[in-house]
Amino acid sequence: MVTRSMDEVRSEYISSMGQELGASFYELHRKLVELQVLWQQYRQLFGDDPDTVHLLNRTSGLFFKIVQDELWDSVLLGVTRMTDPATTGKKKNLTIQSLPPLISDTELQGEVQSLCDKALVAAEFAREHRNKRIAHQDHDYLSNRSSDPLTGISRKLIEEMLTALRAVLNRLDLHFRGGTVMYEDFVGESGARLLVHKLRELERLQGAVTRAP
């Protein structure tokens, strides 16, 4: 198995896409990997197995509730950053909306722009949560939440949002490099799954000690 450094991966994207597009693409690629890792950790702790949730509640319910909320909001913030406008005032932002103007092939540019537009629609609810609740304290929402409610949110919507982001980057990867990246299949050996395993083992050992004569 060959492991490449971050600098090597960046250089490969620049070599295949050109300096400006390749460098921008690489940073967005890296951010999407980070987002997918966050979401994977969330799913492994809170989204896939009710028995795991019960275990976390028995172990340290308050702490894991804080972890749950922070992971959730971190994913929403990450998505909004990736789908923000390419500029804010006079300052540039590095987002998927930065990519189409850097593409010289007009047909490909149109395809990527269309995928970006779909991603913006998919991320609209995340932006609303960021603006009213996460990054800002919206007065009307906090004063009377029933009169100014937030759009509903679900794991399914987040999955769709991440799928839309992957589609943008993978369209460029396919065009320039002839392949796509399985962002959602990141494998981490030291993350949430290992933590859950150790907590189960600790609980088993504690139970054995309790039952011992």
C-alpha atoms as a PDB file:
ATOM      1  CA  MET A   1       0.000   0.000   0.000  1.00  0.00           C
ATOM      2  CA  VAL A   2       1.425   3.398  -1.028  1.00  0.00           C
ATOM      3  CA  THR A   3       0.830   6.355   1.288  1.00  0.00           C
ATOM      4  CA  ARG A   4       1.255   9.822  -0.191  1.00  0.00           C
ATOM      5  CA  SER A   5       2.003  12.968   1.783  1.00  0.00           C
ATOM      6  CA  MET A   6      -0.372  15.927   1.706  1.00  0.00           C
ATOM      7  CA  ASP A   7       2.166  17.890  -0.344  1.00  0.00           C
ATOM      8  CA  GLU A   8       2.347  15.079  -2.885  1.00  0.00           C
ATOM      9  CA  VAL A   9      -1.440  14.926  -3.216  1.00  0.00           C
ATOM     10  CA  ARG A  10      -1.590  18.693  -3.633  1.00  0.00           C
ATOM     11  CA  SER A  11       1.112  18.599  -6.301  1.00  0.00           C
ATOM     12  CA  GLU A  12      -0.790  15.906  -8.200  1.00  0.00           C
ATOM     13  CA  TYR A  13      -3.954  18.009  -8.284  1.00  0.00           C
ATOM     14  CA  ILE A  14      -2.002  21.051  -9.477  1.00  0.00           C
ATOM     15  CA  SER A  15      -0.276  18.967 -12.137  1.00  0.00           C
ATOM     16  CA  SER A  16      -3.566  17.641 -13.525  1.00  0.00           C
ATOM     17  CA  MET A  17      -5.770  20.735 -13.099  1.00  0.00           C
ATOM     18  CA  GLY A  18      -3.384  23.671 -13.286  1.00  0.00           C
ATOM     19  CA  GLN A  19      -2.026  25.871 -10.513  1.00  0.00           C
ATOM     20  CA  GLU A  20      -5.057  27.898  -9.432  1.00  0.00           C
ATOM     21  CA  LEU A  21      -7.782  25.310  -9.931  1.00  0.00           C
ATOM     22  CA  GLY A  22      -5.634  22.470  -8.585  1.00  0.00           C
ATOM     23  CA  ALA A  23      -4.620  24.340  -5.443  1.00  0.00           C
ATOM     24  CA  SER A  24      -8.187  25.434  -4.721  1.00  0.00           C
ATOM     25  CA  PHE A  25      -9.556  21.979  -5.436  1.00  0.00           C
ATOM     26  CA  TYR A  26      -7.052  20.342  -3.103  1.00  0.00           C
ATOM     27  CA  GLU A  27      -8.038  22.553  -0.154  1.00  0.00           C
ATOM     28  CA  LEU A  28     -11.737  21.830  -0.727  1.00  0.00           C
ATOM     29  CA  HIS A  29     -10.947  18.130  -1.101  1.00  0.00           C
ATOM     30  CA  ARG A  30      -9.172  18.227   2.264  1.00  0.00           C
ATOM     31  CA  LYS A  31     -12.059  20.062   3.921  1.00  0.00           C
ATOM     32  CA  LEU A  32     -14.585  17.575   2.559  1.00  0.00           C
ATOM     33  CA  VAL A  33     -12.531  14.687   3.938  1.00  0.00           C
ATOM     34  CA  GLU A  34     -12.562  16.391   7.351  1.00  0.00           C
ATOM     35  CA  LEU A  35     -16.327  16.881   7.111  1.00  0.00           C
ATOM     36  CA  GLN A  36     -16.922  13.260   6.212  1.00  0.00           C
ATOM     37  CA  VAL A  37     -14.749  12.143   9.146  1.00  0.00           C
ATOM     38  CA  LEU A  38     -16.771  14.310  11.537  1.00  0.00           C
ATOM     39  CA  TRP A  39     -20.017  12.909  10.190  1.00  0.00           C
ATOM     40  CA  GLN A  40     -18.717   9.368  10.374  1.00  0.00           C
ATOM     41  CA  GLN A  41     -17.782   9.861  14.031  1.00  0.00           C
ATOM     42  CA  TYR A  42     -21.253  11.234  14.722  1.00  0.00           C
ATOM     43  CA  ARG A  43     -22.936   8.266  13.045  1.00  0.00           C
ATOM     44  CA  GLN A  44     -20.769   5.744  14.858  1.00  0.00           C
ATOM     45  CA  LEU A  45     -21.621   7.265  18.227  1.00  0.00           C
ATOM     46  CA  PHE A  46     -25.222   8.382  17.827  1.00  0.00           C
ATOM     47  CA  GLY A  47     -26.692   7.283  14.528  1.00  0.00           C
ATOM     48  CA  ASP A  48     -26.311   3.594  13.853  1.00  0.00           C
ATOM     49  CA  ASP A  49     -26.989   1.544  16.994  1.00  0.00           C
ATOM     50  CA  PRO A  50     -29.460   2.305  19.834  1.00  0.00           C
ATOM     51  CA  ASP A  51     -27.431   0.050  22.142  1.00  0.00           C
ATOM     52  CA  THR A  52     -24.442   2.343  21.638  1.00  0.00           C
ATOM     53  CA  VAL A  53     -26.509   5.382  22.602  1.00  0.00           C
ATOM     54  CA  HIS A  54     -27.658   3.595  25.774  1.00  0.00           C
ATOM     55  CA  LEU A  55     -24.041   2.745  26.572  1.00  0.00           C
ATOM     56  CA  LEU A  56     -22.972   6.373  26.180  1.00  0.00           C
ATOM     57  CA  ASN A  57     -25.834   7.550  28.389  1.00  0.00           C
ATOM     58  CA  ARG A  58     -24.869   5.051  31.095  1.00  0.00           C
ATOM     59  CA  THR A  59     -21.204   6.053  30.897  1.00  0.00           C
ATOM     60  CA  SER A  60     -21.449   9.858  30.866  1.00  0.00           C
ATOM     61  CA  GLY A  61     -24.724  11.109  29.443  1.00  0.00           C
ATOM     62  CA  LEU A  62     -24.106  14.846  29.821  1.00  0.00           C
ATOM     63  CA  PHE A  63     -20.642  14.716  28.273  1.00  0.00           C
ATOM     64  CA  PHE A  64     -21.768  12.704  25.265  1.00  0.00           C
ATOM     65  CA  LYS A  65     -24.792  14.990  24.764  1.00  0.00           C
ATOM     66  CA  ILE A  66     -22.332  17.887  24.461  1.00  0.00           C
ATOM     67  CA  VAL A  67     -20.208  15.855  22.018  1.00  0.00           C
ATOM     68  CA  GLN A  68     -23.320  15.027  19.988  1.00  0.00           C
ATOM     69  CA  ASP A  69     -24.409  18.653  19.703  1.00  0.00           C
ATOM     70  CA  GLU A  70     -20.913  19.914  18.865  1.00  0.00           C
ATOM     71  CA  LEU A  71     -20.305  17.311  16.171  1.00  0.00           C
ATOM     72  CA  TRP A  72     -23.708  18.052  14.636  1.00  0.00           C
ATOM     73  CA  ASP A  73     -23.107  21.797  14.530  1.00  0.00           C
ATOM     74  CA  SER A  74     -19.533  21.344  13.262  1.00  0.00           C
ATOM     75  CA  VAL A  75     -20.854  19.447  10.256  1.00  0.00           C
ATOM     76  CA  LEU A  76     -23.425  22.154   9.537  1.00  0.00           C
ATOM     77  CA  LEU A  77     -20.780  24.886   9.840  1.00  0.00           C
ATOM     78  CA  GLY A  78     -18.380  22.993   7.611  1.00  0.00           C
ATOM     79  CA  VAL A  79     -21.001  22.623   4.899  1.00  0.00           C
ATOM     80  CA  THR A  80     -21.923  26.305   4.993  1.00  0.00           C
ATOM     81  CA  ARG A  81     -18.269  27.285   4.691  1.00  0.00           C
ATOM     82  CA  MET A  82     -17.912  25.070   1.616  1.00  0.00           C
ATOM     83  CA  THR A  83     -21.016  26.586   0.004  1.00  0.00           C
ATOM     84  CA  ASP A  84     -20.554  30.259   0.931  1.00  0.00           C
ATOM     85  CA  PRO A  85     -20.268  32.889  -1.826  1.00  0.00           C
ATOM     86  CA  ALA A  86     -16.868  33.124  -3.488  1.00  0.00           C
ATOM     87  CA  THR A  87     -16.443  36.629  -2.059  1.00  0.00           C
ATOM     88  CA  THR A  88     -17.578  38.488   1.029  1.00  0.00           C
ATOM     89  CA  GLY A  89     -17.148  42.197   0.415  1.00  0.00           C
ATOM     90  CA  LYS A  90     -13.590  42.596  -0.860  1.00  0.00           C
ATOM     91  CA  LYS A  91     -12.357  39.312   0.588  1.00  0.00           C
ATOM     92  CA  LYS A  92     -12.223  35.997  -1.247  1.00  0.00           C
ATOM     93  CA  ASN A  93     -13.653  32.803   0.229  1.00  0.00           C
ATOM     94  CA  LEU A  94     -12.509  29.346  -0.783  1.00  0.00           C
ATOM     95  CA  THR A  95     -15.750  27.500  -1.525  1.00  0.00           C
ATOM     96  CA  ILE A  96     -17.181  25.282  -4.230  1.00  0.00           C
ATOM     97  CA  GLN A  97     -18.491  28.492  -5.805  1.00  0.00           C
ATOM     98  CA  SER A  98     -14.864  29.492  -6.364  1.00  0.00           C
ATOM     99  CA  LEU A  99     -14.338  26.597  -8.764  1.00  0.00           C
ATOM    100  CA  PRO A 100     -16.457  27.274 -11.906  1.00  0.00           C
ATOM    101  CA  PRO A 101     -14.697  30.553 -12.850  1.00  0.00           C
ATOM    102  CA  LEU A 102     -11.363  28.689 -12.773  1.00  0.00           C
ATOM    103  CA  ILE A 103     -12.484  26.082 -15.330  1.00  0.00           C
ATOM    104  CA  SER A 104     -11.536  26.905 -18.932  1.00  0.00           C
ATOM    105  CA  ASP A 105     -13.655  24.165 -20.553  1.00  0.00           C
ATOM    106  CA  THR A 106     -17.043  25.853 -20.945  1.00  0.00           C
ATOM    107  CA  GLU A 107     -19.017  22.604 -21.057  1.00  0.00           C
ATOM    108  CA  LEU A 108     -17.370  21.307 -17.894  1.00  0.00           C
ATOM    109  CA  GLN A 109     -17.769  24.705 -16.277  1.00  0.00           C
ATOM    110  CA  GLY A 110     -21.511  24.562 -16.892  1.00  0.00           C
ATOM    111  CA  GLU A 111     -21.768  21.052 -15.452  1.00  0.00           C
ATOM    112  CA  VAL A 112     -19.850  22.006 -12.324  1.00  0.00           C
ATOM    113  CA  GLN A 113     -21.885  25.183 -11.914  1.00  0.00           C
ATOM    114  CA  SER A 114     -25.091  23.142 -12.085  1.00  0.00           C
ATOM    115  CA  LEU A 115     -23.790  20.767  -9.416  1.00  0.00           C
ATOM    116  CA  CYS A 116     -22.768  23.738  -7.271  1.00  0.00           C
ATOM    117  CA  ASP A 117     -26.272  25.170  -7.575  1.00  0.00           C
ATOM    118  CA  LYS A 118     -27.752  21.864  -6.405  1.00  0.00           C
ATOM    119  CA  ALA A 119     -25.360  21.788  -3.457  1.00  0.00           C
ATOM    120  CA  LEU A 120     -26.388  25.328  -2.474  1.00  0.00           C
ATOM    121  CA  VAL A 121     -30.035  24.295  -2.421  1.00  0.00           C
ATOM    122  CA  ALA A 122     -29.210  21.190  -0.358  1.00  0.00           C
ATOM    123  CA  ALA A 123     -27.236  23.307   2.133  1.00  0.00           C
ATOM    124  CA  GLU A 124     -29.829  26.052   2.578  1.00  0.00           C
ATOM    125  CA  PHE A 125     -31.201  24.634   5.828  1.00  0.00           C
ATOM    126  CA  ALA A 126     -27.663  24.406   7.273  1.00  0.00           C
ATOM    127  CA  ARG A 127     -27.075  28.070   6.452  1.00  0.00           C
ATOM    128  CA  GLU A 128     -30.288  29.019   8.241  1.00  0.00           C
ATOM    129  CA  HIS A 129     -29.169  27.170  11.368  1.00  0.00           C
ATOM    130  CA  ARG A 130     -25.750  28.820  11.177  1.00  0.00           C
ATOM    131  CA  ASN A 131     -27.154  32.316  10.823  1.00  0.00           C
ATOM    132  CA  LYS A 132     -29.815  32.051  13.510  1.00  0.00           C
ATOM    133  CA  ARG A 133     -28.366  29.663  16.052  1.00  0.00           C
ATOM    134  CA  ILE A 134     -24.739  28.590  15.637  1.00  0.00           C
ATOM    135  CA  ALA A 135     -22.597  31.488  14.415  1.00  0.00           C
ATOM    136  CA  HIS A 136     -25.025  34.227  15.477  1.00  0.00           C
ATOM    137  CA  GLN A 137     -27.659  34.699  18.160  1.00  0.00           C
ATOM    138  CA  ASP A 138     -30.661  35.802  16.136  1.00  0.00           C
ATOM    139  CA  HIS A 139     -32.808  38.024  18.349  1.00  0.00           C
ATOM    140  CA  ASP A 140     -36.196  37.115  16.883  1.00  0.00           C
ATOM    141  CA  TYR A 141     -35.474  33.392  16.957  1.00  0.00           C
ATOM    142  CA  LEU A 142     -34.222  33.414  20.562  1.00  0.00           C
ATOM    143  CA  SER A 143     -36.974  35.743  21.769  1.00  0.00           C
ATOM    144  CA  ASN A 144     -39.843  33.709  20.330  1.00  0.00           C
ATOM    145  CA  ARG A 145     -38.853  30.465  18.650  1.00  0.00           C
ATOM    146  CA  SER A 146     -42.422  29.479  17.877  1.00  0.00           C
ATOM    147  CA  SER A 147     -43.006  32.618  15.789  1.00  0.00           C
ATOM    148  CA  ASP A 148     -39.662  32.372  13.986  1.00  0.00           C
ATOM    149  CA  PRO A 149     -38.953  28.638  13.761  1.00  0.00           C
ATOM    150  CA  LEU A 150     -35.962  27.054  12.110  1.00  0.00           C
ATOM    151  CA  THR A 151     -36.301  24.743   9.144  1.00  0.00           C
ATOM    152  CA  GLY A 152     -36.394  21.092  10.138  1.00  0.00           C
ATOM    153  CA  ILE A 153     -33.188  19.125  10.079  1.00  0.00           C
ATOM    154  CA  SER A 154     -32.449  15.417   9.865  1.00  0.00           C
ATOM    155  CA  ARG A 155     -29.661  12.944   9.271  1.00  0.00           C
ATOM    156  CA  LYS A 156     -31.137  12.239   5.852  1.00  0.00           C
ATOM    157  CA  LEU A 157     -30.831  15.910   4.892  1.00  0.00           C
ATOM    158  CA  ILE A 158     -27.210  15.977   6.034  1.00  0.00           C
ATOM    159  CA  GLU A 159     -26.463  12.857   3.988  1.00  0.00           C
ATOM    160  CA  GLU A 160     -28.019  14.520   0.935  1.00  0.00           C
ATOM    161  CA  MET A 161     -26.024  17.680   1.593  1.00  0.00           C
ATOM    162  CA  LEU A 162     -22.728  15.782   1.753  1.00  0.00           C
ATOM    163  CA  THR A 163     -23.661  13.794  -1.349  1.00  0.00           C
ATOM    164  CA  ALA A 164     -24.169  17.056  -3.241  1.00  0.00           C
ATOM    165  CA  LEU A 165     -20.729  18.322  -2.182  1.00  0.00           C
ATOM    166  CA  ARG A 166     -19.088  15.058  -3.204  1.00  0.00           C
ATOM    167  CA  ALA A 167     -20.740  15.310  -6.623  1.00  0.00           C
ATOM    168  CA  VAL A 168     -19.082  18.685  -7.289  1.00  0.00           C
ATOM    169  CA  LEU A 169     -15.565  17.555  -6.431  1.00  0.00           C
ATOM    170  CA  ASN A 170     -15.888  14.132  -8.011  1.00  0.00           C
ATOM    171  CA  ARG A 171     -17.035  15.623 -11.325  1.00  0.00           C
ATOM    172  CA  LEU A 172     -13.749  17.499 -11.520  1.00  0.00           C
ATOM    173  CA  ASP A 173     -11.742  14.522 -10.304  1.00  0.00           C
ATOM    174  CA  LEU A 174     -13.339  12.332 -12.954  1.00  0.00           C
ATOM    175  CA  HIS A 175     -12.644  14.833 -15.718  1.00  0.00           C
ATOM    176  CA  PHE A 176      -9.029  15.591 -14.880  1.00  0.00           C
ATOM    177  CA  ARG A 177      -7.861  12.377 -13.232  1.00  0.00           C
ATOM    178  CA  GLY A 178     -10.215   9.692 -14.530  1.00  0.00           C
ATOM    179  CA  GLY A 179     -11.497   8.571 -11.132  1.00  0.00           C
ATOM    180  CA  THR A 180     -13.498   9.578  -8.096  1.00  0.00           C
ATOM    181  CA  VAL A 181     -12.891   9.626  -4.335  1.00  0.00           C
ATOM    182  CA  MET A 182     -14.969   7.594  -1.882  1.00  0.00           C
ATOM    183  CA  TYR A 183     -15.062  10.376   0.691  1.00  0.00           C
ATOM    184  CA  GLU A 184     -17.753   8.611   2.705  1.00  0.00           C
ATOM    185  CA  ASP A 185     -15.671   5.452   3.153  1.00  0.00           C
ATOM    186  CA  PHE A 186     -12.853   6.880   5.255  1.00  0.00           C
ATOM    187  CA  VAL A 187     -11.472   4.230   7.615  1.00  0.00           C
ATOM    188  CA  GLY A 188     -10.163   5.401  10.991  1.00  0.00           C
ATOM    189  CA  GLU A 189      -8.775   2.956  13.516  1.00  0.00           C
ATOM    190  CA  SER A 190      -8.669   5.304  16.493  1.00  0.00           C
ATOM    191  CA  GLY A 191     -12.013   7.072  16.360  1.00  0.00           C
ATOM    192  CA  ALA A 192     -15.475   6.633  17.780  1.00  0.00           C
ATOM    193  CA  ARG A 193     -15.781   2.929  17.024  1.00  0.00           C
ATOM    194  CA  LEU A 194     -12.677   2.163  19.100  1.00  0.00           C
ATOM    195  CA  LEU A 195     -13.995   4.316  21.949  1.00  0.00           C
ATOM    196  CA  VAL A 196     -17.294   2.423  21.964  1.00  0.00           C
ATOM    197  CA  HIS A 197     -15.432  -0.896  21.956  1.00  0.00           C
ATOM    198  CA  LYS A 198     -13.349   0.142  24.972  1.00  0.00           C
ATOM    199  CA  LEU A 199     -16.403   1.411  26.857  1.00  0.00           C
ATOM    200  CA  ARG A 200     -18.194  -1.887  26.265  1.00  0.00           C
ATOM    201  CA  GLU A 201     -15.146  -3.790  27.481  1.00  0.00           C
ATOM    202  CA  LEU A 202     -14.853  -1.578  30.563  1.00  0.00           C
ATOM    203  CA  GLU A 203     -18.517  -2.116  31.389  1.00  0.00           C
ATOM    204  CA  ARG A 204     -18.089  -5.866  30.955  1.00  0.00           C
ATOM    205  CA  LEU A 205     -15.086  -5.922  33.283  1.00  0.00           C
ATOM    206  CA  GLN A 206     -16.875  -3.818  35.879  1.00  0.00           C
ATOM    207  CA  GLY A 207     -19.808  -6.211  35.738  1.00  0.00           C
ATOM    208  CA  ALA A 208     -17.471  -9.168  36.216  1.00  0.00           C
ATOM    209  CA  VAL A 209     -15.917  -7.543  39.268  1.00  0.00           C
ATOM    210  CA  THR A 210     -19.355  -6.804  40.728  1.00  0.00           C
ATOM    211  CA  ARG A 211     -20.451 -10.414  40.281  1.00  0.00           C
ATOM    212  CA  ALA A 212     -17.258 -11.887  41.725  1.00  0.00           C
ATOM    213  CA  PRO A 213     -17.640 -13.546  45.183  1.00  0.00           C
END
